[in-house]
Amino acid sequence: MSGVISLATARVLMVDPAGRVLLYRGRLLQVRDQPYAWFTPGGGIDPGESARQAAARELREELGHAVAAETLGRVVATSEGGWSLDGRRFHSCDSYFMLRVGAGLEVDTSGMDAEERETTDRFQWWAPPELAACAEPVVPRGLGTLVARLVAGDAPAAPVVLPWHLP
């Protein structure tokens, strides 16, 4: 993919005892004039980091929630695709982990960088059926079905491939 910037991210499906997943509402591509969408916590994998290590770091930075990387287990889903921004082309591969958390998890965004704080406006717990009825985009598409499956104890033998969310 000549001229395309490749990115890899590690994201976490944080599921509470009620079977709800924690998402944040932010701007697509973290750009001010883009529409809002709902996302799982997570972000880019830094050089020398494993996907698990990146996911654990991102939880600490975005939510103030510290976990050992090994707690995240294996990848349960992936999603990949491309987009353009400011004349540059990108291709991203997102890996999703599941993490069960206790009730009443407090979100602490003090570890977010300025761009993340500027483009994120709230966090919310969602039951899988609510995701299908959400008026705004939910990233990745198919998240509600995957979370319902995982909550029911039906962990996939291989990562589920979810559709890409950008045109």
N, C-alpha and C. Protein backbone atom coordinates (compact mmCIF):
# COMPACT_ATOMS: atom_id res chain seq x y z
N MET A 1 0.84 -1.18 0.00
CA MET A 1 0.00 0.00 0.00
C MET A 1 0.88 1.24 0.00
N SER A 2 1.43 1.56 -1.11
CA SER A 2 2.32 2.70 -1.26
C SER A 2 1.59 4.00 -0.97
N GLY A 3 2.22 4.86 -0.18
CA GLY A 3 1.65 6.16 0.14
C GLY A 3 0.55 6.12 1.18
N VAL A 4 0.26 4.96 1.72
CA VAL A 4 -0.78 4.80 2.73
C VAL A 4 -0.11 4.66 4.09
N ILE A 5 -0.60 5.40 5.06
CA ILE A 5 -0.08 5.32 6.43
C ILE A 5 -0.84 4.22 7.15
N SER A 6 -0.10 3.20 7.61
CA SER A 6 -0.73 2.08 8.30
C SER A 6 -0.73 2.33 9.81
N LEU A 7 -1.87 2.05 10.42
CA LEU A 7 -2.04 2.22 11.86
C LEU A 7 -2.62 0.94 12.45
N ALA A 8 -2.21 0.61 13.65
CA ALA A 8 -2.79 -0.51 14.38
C ALA A 8 -3.28 0.02 15.72
N THR A 9 -4.48 -0.38 16.10
CA THR A 9 -5.01 0.04 17.39
C THR A 9 -5.42 -1.18 18.21
N ALA A 10 -5.48 -0.97 19.51
CA ALA A 10 -5.94 -1.97 20.46
C ALA A 10 -7.08 -1.34 21.24
N ARG A 11 -8.23 -2.01 21.27
CA ARG A 11 -9.43 -1.44 21.87
C ARG A 11 -10.03 -2.47 22.84
N VAL A 12 -10.82 -1.98 23.78
CA VAL A 12 -11.32 -2.86 24.84
C VAL A 12 -12.84 -2.76 24.96
N LEU A 13 -13.48 -3.92 24.98
CA LEU A 13 -14.90 -4.03 25.26
C LEU A 13 -15.01 -4.25 26.77
N MET A 14 -15.24 -3.17 27.51
CA MET A 14 -15.37 -3.25 28.96
C MET A 14 -16.83 -3.57 29.27
N VAL A 15 -17.06 -4.73 29.90
CA VAL A 15 -18.42 -5.20 30.14
C VAL A 15 -18.66 -5.29 31.65
N ASP A 16 -19.75 -4.66 32.10
CA ASP A 16 -20.07 -4.65 33.53
C ASP A 16 -20.93 -5.87 33.89
N PRO A 17 -21.24 -6.08 35.19
CA PRO A 17 -22.03 -7.26 35.59
C PRO A 17 -23.42 -7.32 34.95
N ALA A 18 -23.96 -6.18 34.50
CA ALA A 18 -25.27 -6.17 33.85
C ALA A 18 -25.17 -6.51 32.36
N GLY A 19 -23.96 -6.77 31.86
CA GLY A 19 -23.79 -7.12 30.45
C GLY A 19 -23.74 -5.91 29.53
N ARG A 20 -23.49 -4.74 30.10
CA ARG A 20 -23.41 -3.52 29.29
C ARG A 20 -21.95 -3.21 28.96
N VAL A 21 -21.74 -2.55 27.84
CA VAL A 21 -20.40 -2.18 27.39
C VAL A 21 -20.22 -0.66 27.55
N LEU A 22 -19.03 -0.25 27.98
CA LEU A 22 -18.74 1.17 28.15
C LEU A 22 -18.21 1.75 26.84
N LEU A 23 -18.87 2.82 26.37
CA LEU A 23 -18.44 3.52 25.16
C LEU A 23 -18.30 5.00 25.47
N TYR A 24 -17.49 5.68 24.68
CA TYR A 24 -17.42 7.13 24.79
C TYR A 24 -17.93 7.75 23.49
N ARG A 25 -18.47 8.95 23.63
CA ARG A 25 -18.97 9.68 22.46
C ARG A 25 -17.91 10.69 22.07
N GLY A 26 -17.46 10.58 20.83
CA GLY A 26 -16.42 11.47 20.34
C GLY A 26 -16.59 11.75 18.87
N ARG A 27 -15.78 12.64 18.39
CA ARG A 27 -15.81 13.01 16.97
C ARG A 27 -15.11 11.94 16.15
N LEU A 28 -15.69 11.61 14.99
CA LEU A 28 -15.02 10.69 14.07
C LEU A 28 -13.65 11.26 13.72
N LEU A 29 -12.65 10.42 13.72
CA LEU A 29 -11.27 10.78 13.38
C LEU A 29 -10.72 11.88 14.27
N GLN A 30 -11.34 12.13 15.41
CA GLN A 30 -10.93 13.17 16.34
C GLN A 30 -10.77 14.52 15.65
N VAL A 31 -11.70 14.82 14.76
CA VAL A 31 -11.67 16.08 14.03
C VAL A 31 -12.92 16.88 14.40
N ARG A 32 -12.72 18.13 14.75
CA ARG A 32 -13.78 18.98 15.29
C ARG A 32 -15.03 19.06 14.42
N ASP A 33 -14.90 19.14 13.10
CA ASP A 33 -16.09 19.30 12.26
C ASP A 33 -16.72 17.97 11.82
N GLN A 34 -16.21 16.86 12.31
CA GLN A 34 -16.78 15.55 12.00
C GLN A 34 -17.98 15.27 12.91
N PRO A 35 -18.88 14.40 12.49
CA PRO A 35 -20.01 14.04 13.35
C PRO A 35 -19.56 13.21 14.55
N TYR A 36 -20.42 13.14 15.55
CA TYR A 36 -20.15 12.31 16.72
C TYR A 36 -20.45 10.85 16.41
N ALA A 37 -19.76 9.96 17.12
CA ALA A 37 -20.01 8.52 17.06
C ALA A 37 -19.65 7.96 18.43
N TRP A 38 -20.02 6.73 18.69
CA TRP A 38 -19.71 6.04 19.95
C TRP A 38 -18.60 5.03 19.71
N PHE A 39 -17.59 5.05 20.57
CA PHE A 39 -16.39 4.23 20.41
C PHE A 39 -16.08 3.44 21.68
N THR A 40 -15.34 2.36 21.50
CA THR A 40 -14.78 1.62 22.63
C THR A 40 -13.50 2.31 23.06
N PRO A 41 -13.13 2.23 24.34
CA PRO A 41 -11.84 2.78 24.76
C PRO A 41 -10.70 2.07 24.03
N GLY A 42 -9.64 2.80 23.79
CA GLY A 42 -8.46 2.22 23.14
C GLY A 42 -7.80 3.21 22.23
N GLY A 43 -6.73 2.78 21.59
CA GLY A 43 -6.02 3.67 20.69
C GLY A 43 -4.82 3.00 20.07
N GLY A 44 -3.95 3.82 19.53
CA GLY A 44 -2.81 3.35 18.76
C GLY A 44 -1.81 2.51 19.55
N ILE A 45 -1.23 1.55 18.85
CA ILE A 45 -0.18 0.70 19.42
C ILE A 45 1.15 1.38 19.14
N ASP A 46 1.90 1.69 20.20
CA ASP A 46 3.20 2.34 20.08
C ASP A 46 4.27 1.35 19.65
N PRO A 47 5.34 1.82 19.00
CA PRO A 47 6.44 0.93 18.62
C PRO A 47 6.96 0.15 19.84
N GLY A 48 7.14 -1.16 19.66
CA GLY A 48 7.64 -2.01 20.72
C GLY A 48 6.58 -2.51 21.68
N GLU A 49 5.35 -2.08 21.52
CA GLU A 49 4.24 -2.50 22.39
C GLU A 49 3.47 -3.64 21.74
N SER A 50 2.99 -4.56 22.55
CA SER A 50 2.05 -5.56 22.04
C SER A 50 0.66 -4.92 22.06
N ALA A 51 -0.27 -5.55 21.37
CA ALA A 51 -1.64 -5.03 21.37
C ALA A 51 -2.21 -5.03 22.79
N ARG A 52 -1.93 -6.08 23.56
CA ARG A 52 -2.41 -6.13 24.95
C ARG A 52 -1.83 -4.99 25.78
N GLN A 53 -0.54 -4.76 25.63
CA GLN A 53 0.10 -3.67 26.39
C GLN A 53 -0.51 -2.32 26.01
N ALA A 54 -0.76 -2.11 24.72
CA ALA A 54 -1.36 -0.86 24.27
C ALA A 54 -2.77 -0.70 24.83
N ALA A 55 -3.54 -1.76 24.81
CA ALA A 55 -4.90 -1.70 25.35
C ALA A 55 -4.90 -1.35 26.83
N ALA A 56 -4.01 -1.98 27.58
CA ALA A 56 -3.92 -1.68 29.02
C ALA A 56 -3.48 -0.23 29.24
N ARG A 57 -2.52 0.24 28.47
CA ARG A 57 -2.07 1.64 28.59
C ARG A 57 -3.20 2.60 28.27
N GLU A 58 -3.92 2.32 27.19
CA GLU A 58 -5.02 3.20 26.79
C GLU A 58 -6.12 3.24 27.86
N LEU A 59 -6.43 2.12 28.50
CA LEU A 59 -7.43 2.14 29.58
C LEU A 59 -6.98 3.05 30.72
N ARG A 60 -5.70 2.99 31.05
CA ARG A 60 -5.16 3.85 32.11
C ARG A 60 -5.22 5.31 31.71
N GLU A 61 -4.82 5.63 30.47
CA GLU A 61 -4.81 7.01 30.00
C GLU A 61 -6.21 7.59 29.81
N GLU A 62 -7.10 6.83 29.18
CA GLU A 62 -8.42 7.36 28.84
C GLU A 62 -9.44 7.28 29.97
N LEU A 63 -9.31 6.25 30.82
CA LEU A 63 -10.32 6.02 31.85
C LEU A 63 -9.79 6.06 33.27
N GLY A 64 -8.46 6.08 33.42
CA GLY A 64 -7.89 5.99 34.76
C GLY A 64 -8.06 4.60 35.35
N HIS A 65 -8.22 3.58 34.51
CA HIS A 65 -8.46 2.21 34.95
C HIS A 65 -7.21 1.37 34.66
N ALA A 66 -6.51 0.98 35.72
CA ALA A 66 -5.27 0.22 35.56
C ALA A 66 -5.54 -1.28 35.61
N VAL A 67 -5.06 -1.98 34.59
CA VAL A 67 -5.14 -3.44 34.53
C VAL A 67 -3.82 -3.97 33.99
N ALA A 68 -3.49 -5.19 34.37
CA ALA A 68 -2.32 -5.85 33.80
C ALA A 68 -2.67 -6.28 32.39
N ALA A 69 -1.73 -6.15 31.48
CA ALA A 69 -1.97 -6.50 30.07
C ALA A 69 -2.48 -7.94 29.93
N GLU A 70 -1.95 -8.85 30.74
CA GLU A 70 -2.33 -10.26 30.65
C GLU A 70 -3.80 -10.48 30.99
N THR A 71 -4.41 -9.57 31.73
CA THR A 71 -5.82 -9.67 32.10
C THR A 71 -6.73 -9.63 30.88
N LEU A 72 -6.24 -9.05 29.79
CA LEU A 72 -7.07 -8.84 28.62
C LEU A 72 -7.28 -10.09 27.76
N GLY A 73 -6.50 -11.12 27.97
CA GLY A 73 -6.71 -12.35 27.21
C GLY A 73 -6.38 -12.18 25.74
N ARG A 74 -7.17 -12.85 24.90
CA ARG A 74 -6.88 -12.82 23.46
C ARG A 74 -7.82 -11.87 22.73
N VAL A 75 -7.49 -11.59 21.51
CA VAL A 75 -8.31 -10.73 20.66
C VAL A 75 -9.61 -11.46 20.34
N VAL A 76 -10.76 -10.78 20.55
CA VAL A 76 -12.05 -11.40 20.26
C VAL A 76 -12.64 -10.92 18.94
N ALA A 77 -12.13 -9.77 18.42
CA ALA A 77 -12.64 -9.24 17.15
C ALA A 77 -11.60 -8.33 16.52
N THR A 78 -11.74 -8.15 15.21
CA THR A 78 -10.92 -7.19 14.48
C THR A 78 -11.82 -6.43 13.51
N SER A 79 -11.32 -5.30 13.08
CA SER A 79 -11.99 -4.50 12.05
C SER A 79 -10.90 -3.73 11.34
N GLU A 80 -10.98 -3.64 10.02
CA GLU A 80 -9.95 -2.87 9.32
C GLU A 80 -10.51 -2.20 8.09
N GLY A 81 -9.86 -1.10 7.74
CA GLY A 81 -10.27 -0.36 6.57
C GLY A 81 -9.49 0.92 6.42
N GLY A 82 -9.86 1.71 5.43
CA GLY A 82 -9.11 2.92 5.13
C GLY A 82 -9.96 4.17 5.13
N TRP A 83 -9.27 5.29 5.11
CA TRP A 83 -9.92 6.59 5.03
C TRP A 83 -8.89 7.62 4.61
N SER A 84 -9.38 8.79 4.24
CA SER A 84 -8.50 9.90 3.85
C SER A 84 -8.78 11.09 4.76
N LEU A 85 -7.73 11.84 5.05
CA LEU A 85 -7.86 13.03 5.88
C LEU A 85 -6.76 14.01 5.47
N ASP A 86 -7.16 15.22 5.16
CA ASP A 86 -6.20 16.26 4.78
C ASP A 86 -5.27 15.82 3.65
N GLY A 87 -5.82 15.11 2.67
CA GLY A 87 -5.03 14.67 1.52
C GLY A 87 -4.15 13.47 1.77
N ARG A 88 -4.18 12.90 2.97
CA ARG A 88 -3.38 11.71 3.28
C ARG A 88 -4.31 10.50 3.37
N ARG A 89 -3.76 9.33 2.98
CA ARG A 89 -4.53 8.10 3.05
C ARG A 89 -4.02 7.24 4.20
N PHE A 90 -4.98 6.63 4.91
CA PHE A 90 -4.66 5.81 6.07
C PHE A 90 -5.33 4.44 5.93
N HIS A 91 -4.73 3.46 6.57
CA HIS A 91 -5.33 2.13 6.69
C HIS A 91 -5.11 1.70 8.14
N SER A 92 -6.20 1.28 8.79
CA SER A 92 -6.12 0.90 10.19
C SER A 92 -6.59 -0.52 10.40
N CYS A 93 -5.95 -1.21 11.33
CA CYS A 93 -6.38 -2.53 11.76
C CYS A 93 -6.62 -2.44 13.27
N ASP A 94 -7.87 -2.61 13.67
CA ASP A 94 -8.26 -2.50 15.08
C ASP A 94 -8.44 -3.89 15.67
N SER A 95 -7.83 -4.12 16.83
CA SER A 95 -7.98 -5.38 17.56
C SER A 95 -8.77 -5.11 18.83
N TYR A 96 -9.75 -5.96 19.13
CA TYR A 96 -10.65 -5.77 20.26
C TYR A 96 -10.46 -6.89 21.29
N PHE A 97 -10.30 -6.48 22.55
CA PHE A 97 -10.22 -7.38 23.69
C PHE A 97 -11.49 -7.21 24.52
N MET A 98 -11.83 -8.20 25.32
CA MET A 98 -12.95 -8.07 26.25
C MET A 98 -12.40 -8.07 27.66
N LEU A 99 -12.98 -7.21 28.51
CA LEU A 99 -12.59 -7.14 29.91
C LEU A 99 -13.84 -6.98 30.75
N ARG A 100 -14.08 -7.92 31.63
CA ARG A 100 -15.21 -7.78 32.56
C ARG A 100 -14.75 -6.91 33.73
N VAL A 101 -15.60 -5.96 34.09
CA VAL A 101 -15.29 -5.05 35.20
C VAL A 101 -16.44 -5.05 36.19
N GLY A 102 -16.16 -4.59 37.41
CA GLY A 102 -17.19 -4.53 38.44
C GLY A 102 -18.15 -3.37 38.20
N ALA A 103 -19.23 -3.38 38.93
CA ALA A 103 -20.22 -2.31 38.85
C ALA A 103 -19.62 -1.02 39.40
N GLY A 104 -20.11 0.10 38.89
CA GLY A 104 -19.72 1.39 39.43
C GLY A 104 -18.33 1.87 39.05
N LEU A 105 -17.80 1.41 37.93
CA LEU A 105 -16.48 1.87 37.48
C LEU A 105 -16.51 3.38 37.29
N GLU A 106 -15.59 4.06 37.92
CA GLU A 106 -15.48 5.51 37.78
C GLU A 106 -14.53 5.84 36.63
N VAL A 107 -14.93 6.74 35.76
CA VAL A 107 -14.10 7.17 34.63
C VAL A 107 -13.32 8.40 35.04
N ASP A 108 -12.00 8.34 34.88
CA ASP A 108 -11.10 9.46 35.17
C ASP A 108 -10.36 9.79 33.88
N THR A 109 -10.70 10.93 33.27
CA THR A 109 -10.12 11.31 31.97
C THR A 109 -8.88 12.20 32.11
N SER A 110 -8.34 12.33 33.31
CA SER A 110 -7.19 13.22 33.51
C SER A 110 -5.96 12.76 32.73
N GLY A 111 -5.90 11.50 32.30
CA GLY A 111 -4.77 11.01 31.53
C GLY A 111 -4.93 11.20 30.03
N MET A 112 -6.09 11.69 29.59
CA MET A 112 -6.30 11.94 28.15
C MET A 112 -5.46 13.12 27.71
N ASP A 113 -5.04 13.09 26.44
CA ASP A 113 -4.33 14.26 25.91
C ASP A 113 -5.37 15.32 25.53
N ALA A 114 -4.90 16.52 25.21
CA ALA A 114 -5.78 17.65 24.93
C ALA A 114 -6.73 17.36 23.77
N GLU A 115 -6.22 16.71 22.71
CA GLU A 115 -7.05 16.39 21.54
C GLU A 115 -8.18 15.44 21.93
N GLU A 116 -7.86 14.42 22.74
CA GLU A 116 -8.88 13.47 23.17
C GLU A 116 -9.95 14.18 24.01
N ARG A 117 -9.52 15.03 24.93
CA ARG A 117 -10.48 15.76 25.77
C ARG A 117 -11.37 16.68 24.94
N GLU A 118 -10.80 17.29 23.92
CA GLU A 118 -11.54 18.24 23.08
C GLU A 118 -12.59 17.55 22.21
N THR A 119 -12.33 16.31 21.81
CA THR A 119 -13.23 15.64 20.87
C THR A 119 -14.11 14.57 21.52
N THR A 120 -13.99 14.38 22.83
CA THR A 120 -14.79 13.41 23.57
C THR A 120 -15.73 14.17 24.49
N ASP A 121 -17.03 13.85 24.45
CA ASP A 121 -17.91 14.62 25.32
C ASP A 121 -18.58 13.82 26.43
N ARG A 122 -18.63 12.49 26.36
CA ARG A 122 -19.20 11.74 27.49
C ARG A 122 -18.97 10.24 27.33
N PHE A 123 -19.19 9.55 28.44
CA PHE A 123 -19.11 8.09 28.51
C PHE A 123 -20.48 7.56 28.90
N GLN A 124 -20.80 6.35 28.41
CA GLN A 124 -22.10 5.77 28.74
C GLN A 124 -22.01 4.25 28.65
N TRP A 125 -22.74 3.57 29.56
CA TRP A 125 -22.87 2.12 29.51
C TRP A 125 -24.06 1.78 28.62
N TRP A 126 -23.87 0.81 27.71
CA TRP A 126 -24.90 0.44 26.74
C TRP A 126 -25.18 -1.06 26.82
N ALA A 127 -26.47 -1.41 26.86
CA ALA A 127 -26.88 -2.81 26.71
C ALA A 127 -26.83 -3.12 25.21
N PRO A 128 -26.49 -4.35 24.82
CA PRO A 128 -26.39 -4.66 23.39
C PRO A 128 -27.60 -4.25 22.55
N PRO A 129 -28.85 -4.47 22.99
CA PRO A 129 -29.98 -4.05 22.14
C PRO A 129 -30.05 -2.53 21.94
N GLU A 130 -29.57 -1.76 22.91
CA GLU A 130 -29.58 -0.30 22.78
C GLU A 130 -28.66 0.17 21.67
N LEU A 131 -27.58 -0.56 21.43
CA LEU A 131 -26.62 -0.15 20.40
C LEU A 131 -27.25 -0.17 19.02
N ALA A 132 -28.11 -1.16 18.77
CA ALA A 132 -28.77 -1.26 17.46
C ALA A 132 -29.73 -0.10 17.23
N ALA A 133 -30.27 0.46 18.31
CA ALA A 133 -31.25 1.54 18.19
C ALA A 133 -30.62 2.93 18.29
N CYS A 134 -29.31 3.00 18.49
CA CYS A 134 -28.63 4.30 18.66
C CYS A 134 -28.73 5.13 17.38
N ALA A 135 -29.10 6.40 17.53
CA ALA A 135 -29.25 7.30 16.38
C ALA A 135 -27.91 7.71 15.78
N GLU A 136 -26.84 7.64 16.57
CA GLU A 136 -25.50 8.01 16.08
C GLU A 136 -24.72 6.73 15.74
N PRO A 137 -23.70 6.85 14.89
CA PRO A 137 -22.91 5.66 14.56
C PRO A 137 -22.26 5.04 15.80
N VAL A 138 -22.20 3.72 15.81
CA VAL A 138 -21.50 2.97 16.85
C VAL A 138 -20.34 2.27 16.16
N VAL A 139 -19.14 2.45 16.69
CA VAL A 139 -17.92 1.92 16.08
C VAL A 139 -17.33 0.85 16.99
N PRO A 140 -17.14 -0.35 16.45
CA PRO A 140 -17.37 -0.79 15.08
C PRO A 140 -18.83 -1.21 14.88
N ARG A 141 -19.23 -1.26 13.62
CA ARG A 141 -20.56 -1.77 13.31
C ARG A 141 -20.64 -3.23 13.75
N GLY A 142 -21.79 -3.63 14.22
CA GLY A 142 -21.96 -5.01 14.69
C GLY A 142 -21.54 -5.22 16.13
N LEU A 143 -21.21 -4.15 16.83
CA LEU A 143 -20.72 -4.28 18.21
C LEU A 143 -21.76 -4.90 19.14
N GLY A 144 -23.02 -4.49 19.01
CA GLY A 144 -24.06 -5.01 19.90
C GLY A 144 -24.19 -6.52 19.80
N THR A 145 -24.18 -7.05 18.59
CA THR A 145 -24.29 -8.49 18.39
C THR A 145 -23.09 -9.21 19.00
N LEU A 146 -21.89 -8.66 18.82
CA LEU A 146 -20.69 -9.26 19.39
C LEU A 146 -20.75 -9.25 20.91
N VAL A 147 -21.10 -8.12 21.51
CA VAL A 147 -21.15 -8.02 22.97
C VAL A 147 -22.19 -9.00 23.52
N ALA A 148 -23.35 -9.09 22.90
CA ALA A 148 -24.38 -10.03 23.36
C ALA A 148 -23.83 -11.46 23.33
N ARG A 149 -23.12 -11.80 22.30
CA ARG A 149 -22.53 -13.13 22.17
C ARG A 149 -21.51 -13.38 23.28
N LEU A 150 -20.63 -12.41 23.51
CA LEU A 150 -19.60 -12.56 24.53
C LEU A 150 -20.20 -12.65 25.93
N VAL A 151 -21.19 -11.81 26.21
CA VAL A 151 -21.85 -11.82 27.52
C VAL A 151 -22.53 -13.17 27.78
N ALA A 152 -23.04 -13.78 26.72
CA ALA A 152 -23.70 -15.08 26.84
C ALA A 152 -22.69 -16.22 27.03
N GLY A 153 -21.39 -15.90 27.00
CA GLY A 153 -20.36 -16.91 27.18
C GLY A 153 -19.93 -17.59 25.91
N ASP A 154 -20.35 -17.07 24.78
CA ASP A 154 -20.01 -17.66 23.48
C ASP A 154 -18.79 -16.95 22.90
N ALA A 155 -17.63 -17.24 23.46
CA ALA A 155 -16.39 -16.63 22.97
C ALA A 155 -16.00 -17.30 21.65
N PRO A 156 -15.68 -16.51 20.64
CA PRO A 156 -15.33 -17.10 19.34
C PRO A 156 -13.98 -17.81 19.40
N ALA A 157 -13.85 -18.90 18.64
CA ALA A 157 -12.58 -19.63 18.58
C ALA A 157 -11.50 -18.79 17.90
N ALA A 158 -11.91 -18.00 16.93
CA ALA A 158 -11.01 -17.07 16.22
C ALA A 158 -11.67 -15.69 16.28
N PRO A 159 -10.88 -14.62 16.17
CA PRO A 159 -11.48 -13.28 16.23
C PRO A 159 -12.57 -13.09 15.16
N VAL A 160 -13.67 -12.50 15.58
CA VAL A 160 -14.76 -12.13 14.69
C VAL A 160 -14.29 -10.93 13.86
N VAL A 161 -14.57 -10.93 12.56
CA VAL A 161 -14.23 -9.79 11.71
C VAL A 161 -15.47 -8.91 11.60
N LEU A 162 -15.36 -7.69 12.14
CA LEU A 162 -16.46 -6.73 12.11
C LEU A 162 -16.28 -5.77 10.94
N PRO A 163 -17.39 -5.26 10.38
CA PRO A 163 -17.29 -4.34 9.24
C PRO A 163 -16.59 -3.03 9.60
N TRP A 164 -15.91 -2.46 8.63
CA TRP A 164 -15.26 -1.17 8.80
C TRP A 164 -16.33 -0.09 8.86
N HIS A 165 -16.07 0.98 9.58
CA HIS A 165 -17.11 1.97 9.87
C HIS A 165 -17.02 3.26 9.04
N LEU A 166 -15.97 3.42 8.26
CA LEU A 166 -15.85 4.65 7.47
C LEU A 166 -15.99 4.32 5.98
N PRO A 167 -16.59 5.27 5.21
CA PRO A 167 -16.73 5.02 3.76
C PRO A 167 -15.39 5.05 3.05
